[in-house]
Amino acid sequence: MTIPWLANLYPWTKALHLIAVFAWMAGMFYLPRLFVYHSTVSAGSEPSEMFKVMERRLLRAIINPAMGAAWLFGIMLVLTPGVIDWSAGWWHGKMAGFLGMSAFHGHLAAARKKFERDERPKSERYWRIANEVPTLLLVLIVVMVIVRPF
């Protein structure tokens, strides 16, 4: 199913989708890095309280709205006539990538709530490794959309 009038908005929809994805990814790269540092300070300390504010603001003011906009404009692109050849296989890879990114986003949001309660949900090492997840998912998504290997 497509919506014909969306074809006229295609350049704007694509631009807004990419802007939202860039903002989402910036936050997804930064939040696990904040968790790396937060996990090394004492619960209730002044630095811990500062990290709580930074993490909450990053998630609520940047990451969540950017993800919502990325999804909205992405759905609009899918509904635009001629954008996706449903017989091609690349969109399965892209879908796996953005669903993985959304799930990781949820994981980070849950971890932020635990840090807010002065819990330390994972180790510094865990967050250092987790910090690479958005990069790997981004590579998958970009290759699927640009290269379209299948």
N, C-alpha and C. Protein backbone atom coordinates (compact mmCIF):
# COMPACT_ATOMS: atom_id res chain seq x y z
N MET A 1 0.85 -1.18 0.00
CA MET A 1 0.00 0.00 0.00
C MET A 1 0.89 1.24 0.00
N THR A 2 0.61 2.14 -0.89
CA THR A 2 1.32 3.42 -0.93
C THR A 2 0.31 4.56 -0.92
N ILE A 3 0.81 5.73 -0.65
CA ILE A 3 -0.04 6.92 -0.60
C ILE A 3 0.50 7.88 -1.68
N PRO A 4 -0.21 8.04 -2.78
CA PRO A 4 0.31 8.80 -3.93
C PRO A 4 0.78 10.22 -3.62
N TRP A 5 0.08 10.96 -2.78
CA TRP A 5 0.47 12.36 -2.53
C TRP A 5 1.80 12.48 -1.81
N LEU A 6 2.29 11.38 -1.19
CA LEU A 6 3.60 11.43 -0.53
C LEU A 6 4.74 11.57 -1.53
N ALA A 7 4.51 11.19 -2.78
CA ALA A 7 5.55 11.31 -3.81
C ALA A 7 6.02 12.76 -3.95
N ASN A 8 5.11 13.72 -3.82
CA ASN A 8 5.48 15.13 -3.92
C ASN A 8 6.36 15.59 -2.75
N LEU A 9 6.25 14.91 -1.63
CA LEU A 9 7.02 15.27 -0.43
C LEU A 9 8.31 14.48 -0.30
N TYR A 10 8.59 13.58 -1.24
CA TYR A 10 9.72 12.66 -1.10
C TYR A 10 11.04 13.32 -0.73
N PRO A 11 11.49 14.38 -1.41
CA PRO A 11 12.80 14.95 -1.02
C PRO A 11 12.80 15.47 0.42
N TRP A 12 11.70 16.09 0.84
CA TRP A 12 11.62 16.61 2.21
C TRP A 12 11.53 15.47 3.22
N THR A 13 10.77 14.46 2.89
CA THR A 13 10.63 13.32 3.80
C THR A 13 11.97 12.63 3.99
N LYS A 14 12.68 12.42 2.89
CA LYS A 14 14.00 11.77 2.96
C LYS A 14 14.98 12.61 3.77
N ALA A 15 14.99 13.93 3.51
CA ALA A 15 15.89 14.83 4.25
C ALA A 15 15.57 14.82 5.74
N LEU A 16 14.31 14.92 6.09
CA LEU A 16 13.92 14.93 7.50
C LEU A 16 14.20 13.58 8.16
N HIS A 17 14.03 12.50 7.41
CA HIS A 17 14.37 11.17 7.93
C HIS A 17 15.86 11.09 8.26
N LEU A 18 16.69 11.54 7.34
CA LEU A 18 18.14 11.48 7.57
C LEU A 18 18.57 12.38 8.73
N ILE A 19 18.00 13.57 8.82
CA ILE A 19 18.33 14.47 9.94
C ILE A 19 17.96 13.81 11.27
N ALA A 20 16.78 13.20 11.32
CA ALA A 20 16.34 12.52 12.54
C ALA A 20 17.26 11.35 12.87
N VAL A 21 17.65 10.58 11.86
CA VAL A 21 18.55 9.45 12.09
C VAL A 21 19.90 9.94 12.61
N PHE A 22 20.43 11.02 12.03
CA PHE A 22 21.71 11.56 12.50
C PHE A 22 21.63 11.96 13.97
N ALA A 23 20.56 12.65 14.34
CA ALA A 23 20.39 13.07 15.73
C ALA A 23 20.24 11.85 16.64
N TRP A 24 19.47 10.87 16.21
CA TRP A 24 19.27 9.65 16.99
C TRP A 24 20.61 8.95 17.20
N MET A 25 21.37 8.82 16.12
CA MET A 25 22.65 8.13 16.21
C MET A 25 23.64 8.89 17.10
N ALA A 26 23.65 10.19 17.03
CA ALA A 26 24.55 10.97 17.90
C ALA A 26 24.28 10.64 19.36
N GLY A 27 23.02 10.61 19.72
CA GLY A 27 22.66 10.26 21.10
C GLY A 27 22.98 8.83 21.44
N MET A 28 22.76 7.93 20.48
CA MET A 28 23.03 6.51 20.72
C MET A 28 24.52 6.23 20.86
N PHE A 29 25.34 7.06 20.24
CA PHE A 29 26.79 6.93 20.41
C PHE A 29 27.23 7.48 21.78
N TYR A 30 26.56 8.53 22.23
CA TYR A 30 27.00 9.24 23.43
C TYR A 30 26.49 8.63 24.74
N LEU A 31 25.25 8.14 24.75
CA LEU A 31 24.68 7.65 26.01
C LEU A 31 25.46 6.46 26.60
N PRO A 32 25.82 5.46 25.81
CA PRO A 32 26.63 4.38 26.41
C PRO A 32 27.98 4.88 26.93
N ARG A 33 28.54 5.90 26.28
CA ARG A 33 29.81 6.47 26.75
C ARG A 33 29.60 7.13 28.10
N LEU A 34 28.48 7.82 28.29
CA LEU A 34 28.17 8.39 29.60
C LEU A 34 28.04 7.28 30.65
N PHE A 35 27.44 6.15 30.25
CA PHE A 35 27.31 5.02 31.17
C PHE A 35 28.67 4.45 31.56
N VAL A 36 29.62 4.47 30.63
CA VAL A 36 30.99 4.02 30.95
C VAL A 36 31.52 4.83 32.12
N TYR A 37 31.41 6.15 32.02
CA TYR A 37 31.93 7.02 33.06
C TYR A 37 31.09 6.95 34.33
N HIS A 38 29.77 6.87 34.16
CA HIS A 38 28.87 6.85 35.32
C HIS A 38 29.12 5.59 36.16
N SER A 39 29.40 4.49 35.49
CA SER A 39 29.59 3.23 36.22
C SER A 39 30.86 3.22 37.08
N THR A 40 31.74 4.21 36.88
CA THR A 40 33.00 4.24 37.64
C THR A 40 32.95 5.16 38.85
N VAL A 41 31.86 5.92 39.02
CA VAL A 41 31.78 6.85 40.15
C VAL A 41 30.86 6.29 41.23
N SER A 42 31.04 6.73 42.43
CA SER A 42 30.24 6.25 43.56
C SER A 42 28.79 6.70 43.45
N ALA A 43 27.88 5.79 43.77
CA ALA A 43 26.46 6.12 43.79
C ALA A 43 26.22 7.25 44.77
N GLY A 44 25.40 8.21 44.35
CA GLY A 44 25.06 9.34 45.20
C GLY A 44 26.08 10.45 45.24
N SER A 45 27.24 10.25 44.61
CA SER A 45 28.28 11.29 44.60
C SER A 45 27.86 12.43 43.67
N GLU A 46 28.57 13.54 43.80
CA GLU A 46 28.28 14.69 42.95
C GLU A 46 28.42 14.35 41.46
N PRO A 47 29.51 13.66 41.06
CA PRO A 47 29.59 13.29 39.64
C PRO A 47 28.44 12.38 39.21
N SER A 48 28.03 11.45 40.07
CA SER A 48 26.92 10.56 39.74
C SER A 48 25.65 11.35 39.49
N GLU A 49 25.40 12.33 40.33
CA GLU A 49 24.19 13.16 40.16
C GLU A 49 24.27 13.97 38.86
N MET A 50 25.46 14.44 38.51
CA MET A 50 25.64 15.17 37.25
C MET A 50 25.37 14.25 36.06
N PHE A 51 25.88 13.01 36.11
CA PHE A 51 25.65 12.06 35.03
C PHE A 51 24.16 11.76 34.89
N LYS A 52 23.45 11.67 35.99
CA LYS A 52 22.01 11.40 35.93
C LYS A 52 21.29 12.49 35.14
N VAL A 53 21.65 13.73 35.40
CA VAL A 53 21.01 14.85 34.69
C VAL A 53 21.37 14.79 33.21
N MET A 54 22.64 14.58 32.91
CA MET A 54 23.09 14.52 31.51
C MET A 54 22.39 13.39 30.76
N GLU A 55 22.32 12.21 31.38
CA GLU A 55 21.70 11.05 30.73
C GLU A 55 20.21 11.27 30.50
N ARG A 56 19.53 11.80 31.50
CA ARG A 56 18.09 12.04 31.37
C ARG A 56 17.80 13.06 30.27
N ARG A 57 18.54 14.15 30.26
CA ARG A 57 18.32 15.18 29.24
C ARG A 57 18.64 14.67 27.84
N LEU A 58 19.73 13.92 27.72
CA LEU A 58 20.10 13.37 26.41
C LEU A 58 19.01 12.44 25.90
N LEU A 59 18.52 11.56 26.75
CA LEU A 59 17.51 10.60 26.32
C LEU A 59 16.19 11.30 26.00
N ARG A 60 15.73 12.14 26.90
CA ARG A 60 14.40 12.75 26.74
C ARG A 60 14.36 13.88 25.71
N ALA A 61 15.42 14.66 25.63
CA ALA A 61 15.39 15.83 24.75
C ALA A 61 15.93 15.56 23.35
N ILE A 62 16.77 14.55 23.20
CA ILE A 62 17.38 14.30 21.89
C ILE A 62 17.05 12.90 21.37
N ILE A 63 17.42 11.87 22.12
CA ILE A 63 17.33 10.52 21.57
C ILE A 63 15.87 10.10 21.33
N ASN A 64 15.01 10.26 22.31
CA ASN A 64 13.61 9.82 22.13
C ASN A 64 12.90 10.57 21.00
N PRO A 65 12.95 11.92 20.97
CA PRO A 65 12.28 12.60 19.86
C PRO A 65 12.89 12.27 18.50
N ALA A 66 14.21 12.12 18.45
CA ALA A 66 14.86 11.81 17.18
C ALA A 66 14.44 10.43 16.69
N MET A 67 14.36 9.45 17.60
CA MET A 67 13.91 8.13 17.19
C MET A 67 12.48 8.18 16.68
N GLY A 68 11.63 8.89 17.38
CA GLY A 68 10.23 9.02 16.93
C GLY A 68 10.13 9.64 15.55
N ALA A 69 10.93 10.69 15.32
CA ALA A 69 10.92 11.34 14.01
C ALA A 69 11.51 10.42 12.94
N ALA A 70 12.56 9.69 13.26
CA ALA A 70 13.15 8.75 12.31
C ALA A 70 12.12 7.69 11.90
N TRP A 71 11.40 7.17 12.88
CA TRP A 71 10.36 6.19 12.58
C TRP A 71 9.24 6.81 11.74
N LEU A 72 8.77 7.99 12.13
CA LEU A 72 7.68 8.65 11.40
C LEU A 72 8.05 8.87 9.94
N PHE A 73 9.21 9.51 9.71
CA PHE A 73 9.60 9.80 8.34
C PHE A 73 10.00 8.54 7.58
N GLY A 74 10.51 7.53 8.29
CA GLY A 74 10.79 6.25 7.66
C GLY A 74 9.53 5.57 7.18
N ILE A 75 8.50 5.60 7.99
CA ILE A 75 7.21 5.01 7.58
C ILE A 75 6.64 5.78 6.40
N MET A 76 6.78 7.11 6.43
CA MET A 76 6.32 7.90 5.29
C MET A 76 7.08 7.52 4.02
N LEU A 77 8.37 7.26 4.13
CA LEU A 77 9.15 6.84 2.96
C LEU A 77 8.65 5.49 2.44
N VAL A 78 8.39 4.56 3.35
CA VAL A 78 7.89 3.24 2.94
C VAL A 78 6.55 3.37 2.22
N LEU A 79 5.74 4.33 2.62
CA LEU A 79 4.43 4.52 2.01
C LEU A 79 4.47 5.37 0.75
N THR A 80 5.65 5.88 0.39
CA THR A 80 5.81 6.69 -0.82
C THR A 80 5.94 5.77 -2.03
N PRO A 81 5.13 5.99 -3.07
CA PRO A 81 5.19 5.12 -4.25
C PRO A 81 6.60 5.09 -4.88
N GLY A 82 7.06 3.89 -5.20
CA GLY A 82 8.32 3.72 -5.92
C GLY A 82 9.58 3.73 -5.08
N VAL A 83 9.47 3.91 -3.78
CA VAL A 83 10.67 3.99 -2.93
C VAL A 83 11.23 2.60 -2.65
N ILE A 84 10.37 1.64 -2.40
CA ILE A 84 10.84 0.29 -2.05
C ILE A 84 10.33 -0.71 -3.08
N ASP A 85 11.28 -1.51 -3.56
CA ASP A 85 10.94 -2.66 -4.39
C ASP A 85 10.80 -3.84 -3.43
N TRP A 86 9.58 -4.22 -3.15
CA TRP A 86 9.33 -5.23 -2.14
C TRP A 86 9.83 -6.61 -2.53
N SER A 87 10.19 -6.79 -3.81
CA SER A 87 10.74 -8.08 -4.22
C SER A 87 12.24 -8.18 -3.93
N ALA A 88 12.88 -7.05 -3.64
CA ALA A 88 14.31 -7.06 -3.30
C ALA A 88 14.48 -7.49 -1.84
N GLY A 89 15.67 -7.95 -1.51
CA GLY A 89 15.89 -8.45 -0.15
C GLY A 89 16.56 -7.47 0.79
N TRP A 90 17.12 -6.37 0.28
CA TRP A 90 17.88 -5.45 1.12
C TRP A 90 17.06 -4.87 2.26
N TRP A 91 15.78 -4.64 2.02
CA TRP A 91 14.97 -3.99 3.06
C TRP A 91 14.80 -4.87 4.29
N HIS A 92 14.95 -6.19 4.14
CA HIS A 92 14.91 -7.08 5.31
C HIS A 92 16.10 -6.78 6.23
N GLY A 93 17.27 -6.59 5.63
CA GLY A 93 18.46 -6.25 6.42
C GLY A 93 18.33 -4.91 7.10
N LYS A 94 17.79 -3.94 6.35
CA LYS A 94 17.59 -2.62 6.97
C LYS A 94 16.59 -2.72 8.11
N MET A 95 15.53 -3.47 7.91
CA MET A 95 14.53 -3.61 8.96
C MET A 95 15.14 -4.28 10.19
N ALA A 96 15.94 -5.29 9.99
CA ALA A 96 16.61 -5.93 11.12
C ALA A 96 17.50 -4.93 11.85
N GLY A 97 18.20 -4.08 11.09
CA GLY A 97 19.07 -3.07 11.69
C GLY A 97 18.31 -2.04 12.50
N PHE A 98 17.23 -1.49 11.95
CA PHE A 98 16.53 -0.45 12.71
C PHE A 98 15.71 -1.02 13.85
N LEU A 99 15.25 -2.26 13.71
CA LEU A 99 14.59 -2.89 14.86
C LEU A 99 15.61 -3.18 15.96
N GLY A 100 16.82 -3.60 15.56
CA GLY A 100 17.89 -3.80 16.54
C GLY A 100 18.27 -2.50 17.22
N MET A 101 18.33 -1.41 16.45
CA MET A 101 18.65 -0.10 17.03
C MET A 101 17.56 0.33 18.00
N SER A 102 16.32 0.09 17.64
CA SER A 102 15.21 0.45 18.53
C SER A 102 15.25 -0.37 19.81
N ALA A 103 15.57 -1.66 19.69
CA ALA A 103 15.68 -2.51 20.88
C ALA A 103 16.84 -2.05 21.76
N PHE A 104 17.96 -1.69 21.15
CA PHE A 104 19.10 -1.21 21.93
C PHE A 104 18.75 0.11 22.61
N HIS A 105 18.00 0.96 21.93
CA HIS A 105 17.50 2.20 22.51
C HIS A 105 16.71 1.88 23.78
N GLY A 106 15.82 0.89 23.70
CA GLY A 106 15.05 0.49 24.87
C GLY A 106 15.94 -0.02 26.00
N HIS A 107 16.97 -0.75 25.64
CA HIS A 107 17.94 -1.25 26.63
C HIS A 107 18.63 -0.08 27.34
N LEU A 108 19.03 0.92 26.57
CA LEU A 108 19.68 2.09 27.16
C LEU A 108 18.72 2.87 28.06
N ALA A 109 17.48 2.99 27.63
CA ALA A 109 16.48 3.71 28.44
C ALA A 109 16.25 2.99 29.77
N ALA A 110 16.19 1.67 29.73
CA ALA A 110 16.01 0.90 30.97
C ALA A 110 17.23 1.04 31.88
N ALA A 111 18.42 1.04 31.28
CA ALA A 111 19.65 1.19 32.07
C ALA A 111 19.70 2.57 32.72
N ARG A 112 19.24 3.59 31.99
CA ARG A 112 19.24 4.95 32.54
C ARG A 112 18.38 5.02 33.79
N LYS A 113 17.25 4.34 33.78
CA LYS A 113 16.38 4.32 34.95
C LYS A 113 17.08 3.65 36.14
N LYS A 114 17.85 2.63 35.87
CA LYS A 114 18.59 1.95 36.94
C LYS A 114 19.68 2.86 37.50
N PHE A 115 20.40 3.54 36.61
CA PHE A 115 21.40 4.50 37.09
C PHE A 115 20.73 5.59 37.92
N GLU A 116 19.55 6.01 37.51
CA GLU A 116 18.79 7.03 38.24
C GLU A 116 18.52 6.59 39.68
N ARG A 117 18.32 5.29 39.87
CA ARG A 117 18.06 4.72 41.20
C ARG A 117 19.36 4.34 41.92
N ASP A 118 20.48 4.80 41.41
CA ASP A 118 21.81 4.50 41.96
C ASP A 118 22.18 3.03 41.87
N GLU A 119 21.57 2.32 40.95
CA GLU A 119 21.99 0.96 40.67
C GLU A 119 23.08 1.02 39.60
N ARG A 120 23.87 0.00 39.53
CA ARG A 120 24.88 -0.11 38.49
C ARG A 120 24.56 -1.37 37.70
N PRO A 121 23.73 -1.23 36.64
CA PRO A 121 23.21 -2.40 35.95
C PRO A 121 24.27 -3.27 35.27
N LYS A 122 25.35 -2.68 34.84
CA LYS A 122 26.40 -3.43 34.16
C LYS A 122 27.75 -2.79 34.50
N SER A 123 28.80 -3.50 34.12
CA SER A 123 30.16 -3.02 34.41
C SER A 123 30.61 -1.98 33.38
N GLU A 124 31.68 -1.30 33.75
CA GLU A 124 32.31 -0.35 32.82
C GLU A 124 32.68 -1.08 31.52
N ARG A 125 33.24 -2.26 31.63
CA ARG A 125 33.63 -3.04 30.45
C ARG A 125 32.42 -3.33 29.56
N TYR A 126 31.31 -3.70 30.17
CA TYR A 126 30.09 -3.97 29.40
C TYR A 126 29.71 -2.75 28.57
N TRP A 127 29.71 -1.57 29.21
CA TRP A 127 29.30 -0.35 28.50
C TRP A 127 30.29 0.04 27.42
N ARG A 128 31.58 -0.26 27.64
CA ARG A 128 32.57 0.01 26.58
C ARG A 128 32.28 -0.85 25.34
N ILE A 129 31.93 -2.09 25.57
CA ILE A 129 31.60 -2.98 24.45
C ILE A 129 30.25 -2.56 23.83
N ALA A 130 29.27 -2.28 24.68
CA ALA A 130 27.95 -1.88 24.20
C ALA A 130 28.01 -0.59 23.38
N ASN A 131 28.99 0.24 23.65
CA ASN A 131 29.15 1.50 22.93
C ASN A 131 29.38 1.25 21.43
N GLU A 132 29.79 0.05 21.05
CA GLU A 132 30.05 -0.27 19.65
C GLU A 132 28.80 -0.78 18.92
N VAL A 133 27.77 -1.16 19.65
CA VAL A 133 26.56 -1.71 19.04
C VAL A 133 25.93 -0.75 18.04
N PRO A 134 25.71 0.53 18.38
CA PRO A 134 25.11 1.43 17.40
C PRO A 134 25.94 1.55 16.12
N THR A 135 27.25 1.52 16.24
CA THR A 135 28.10 1.61 15.05
C THR A 135 27.88 0.41 14.14
N LEU A 136 27.87 -0.77 14.71
CA LEU A 136 27.67 -1.98 13.91
C LEU A 136 26.30 -1.99 13.24
N LEU A 137 25.28 -1.58 13.98
CA LEU A 137 23.94 -1.52 13.40
C LEU A 137 23.86 -0.46 12.31
N LEU A 138 24.51 0.67 12.52
CA LEU A 138 24.53 1.72 11.50
C LEU A 138 25.20 1.24 10.22
N VAL A 139 26.30 0.52 10.34
CA VAL A 139 26.97 -0.03 9.17
C VAL A 139 26.02 -0.95 8.40
N LEU A 140 25.34 -1.84 9.12
CA LEU A 140 24.37 -2.73 8.48
C LEU A 140 23.31 -1.94 7.73
N ILE A 141 22.73 -0.96 8.39
CA ILE A 141 21.64 -0.17 7.80
C ILE A 141 22.12 0.57 6.55
N VAL A 142 23.25 1.25 6.65
CA VAL A 142 23.76 2.04 5.51
C VAL A 142 24.10 1.13 4.33
N VAL A 143 24.75 0.00 4.60
CA VAL A 143 25.09 -0.92 3.50
C VAL A 143 23.82 -1.44 2.84
N MET A 144 22.82 -1.78 3.62
CA MET A 144 21.58 -2.28 3.03
C MET A 144 20.91 -1.24 2.15
N VAL A 145 20.89 0.01 2.59
CA VAL A 145 20.19 1.06 1.85
C VAL A 145 20.99 1.55 0.64
N ILE A 146 22.30 1.70 0.79
CA ILE A 146 23.12 2.27 -0.29
C ILE A 146 23.60 1.21 -1.27
N VAL A 147 24.17 0.14 -0.76
CA VAL A 147 24.75 -0.91 -1.61
C VAL A 147 23.66 -1.85 -2.13
N ARG A 148 22.67 -2.11 -1.29
CA ARG A 148 21.57 -3.04 -1.64
C ARG A 148 22.13 -4.35 -2.19
N PRO A 149 22.88 -5.08 -1.34
CA PRO A 149 23.59 -6.26 -1.82
C PRO A 149 22.70 -7.41 -2.27
N PHE A 150 21.44 -7.37 -1.93
CA PHE A 150 20.53 -8.42 -2.40
C PHE A 150 19.11 -7.88 -2.45
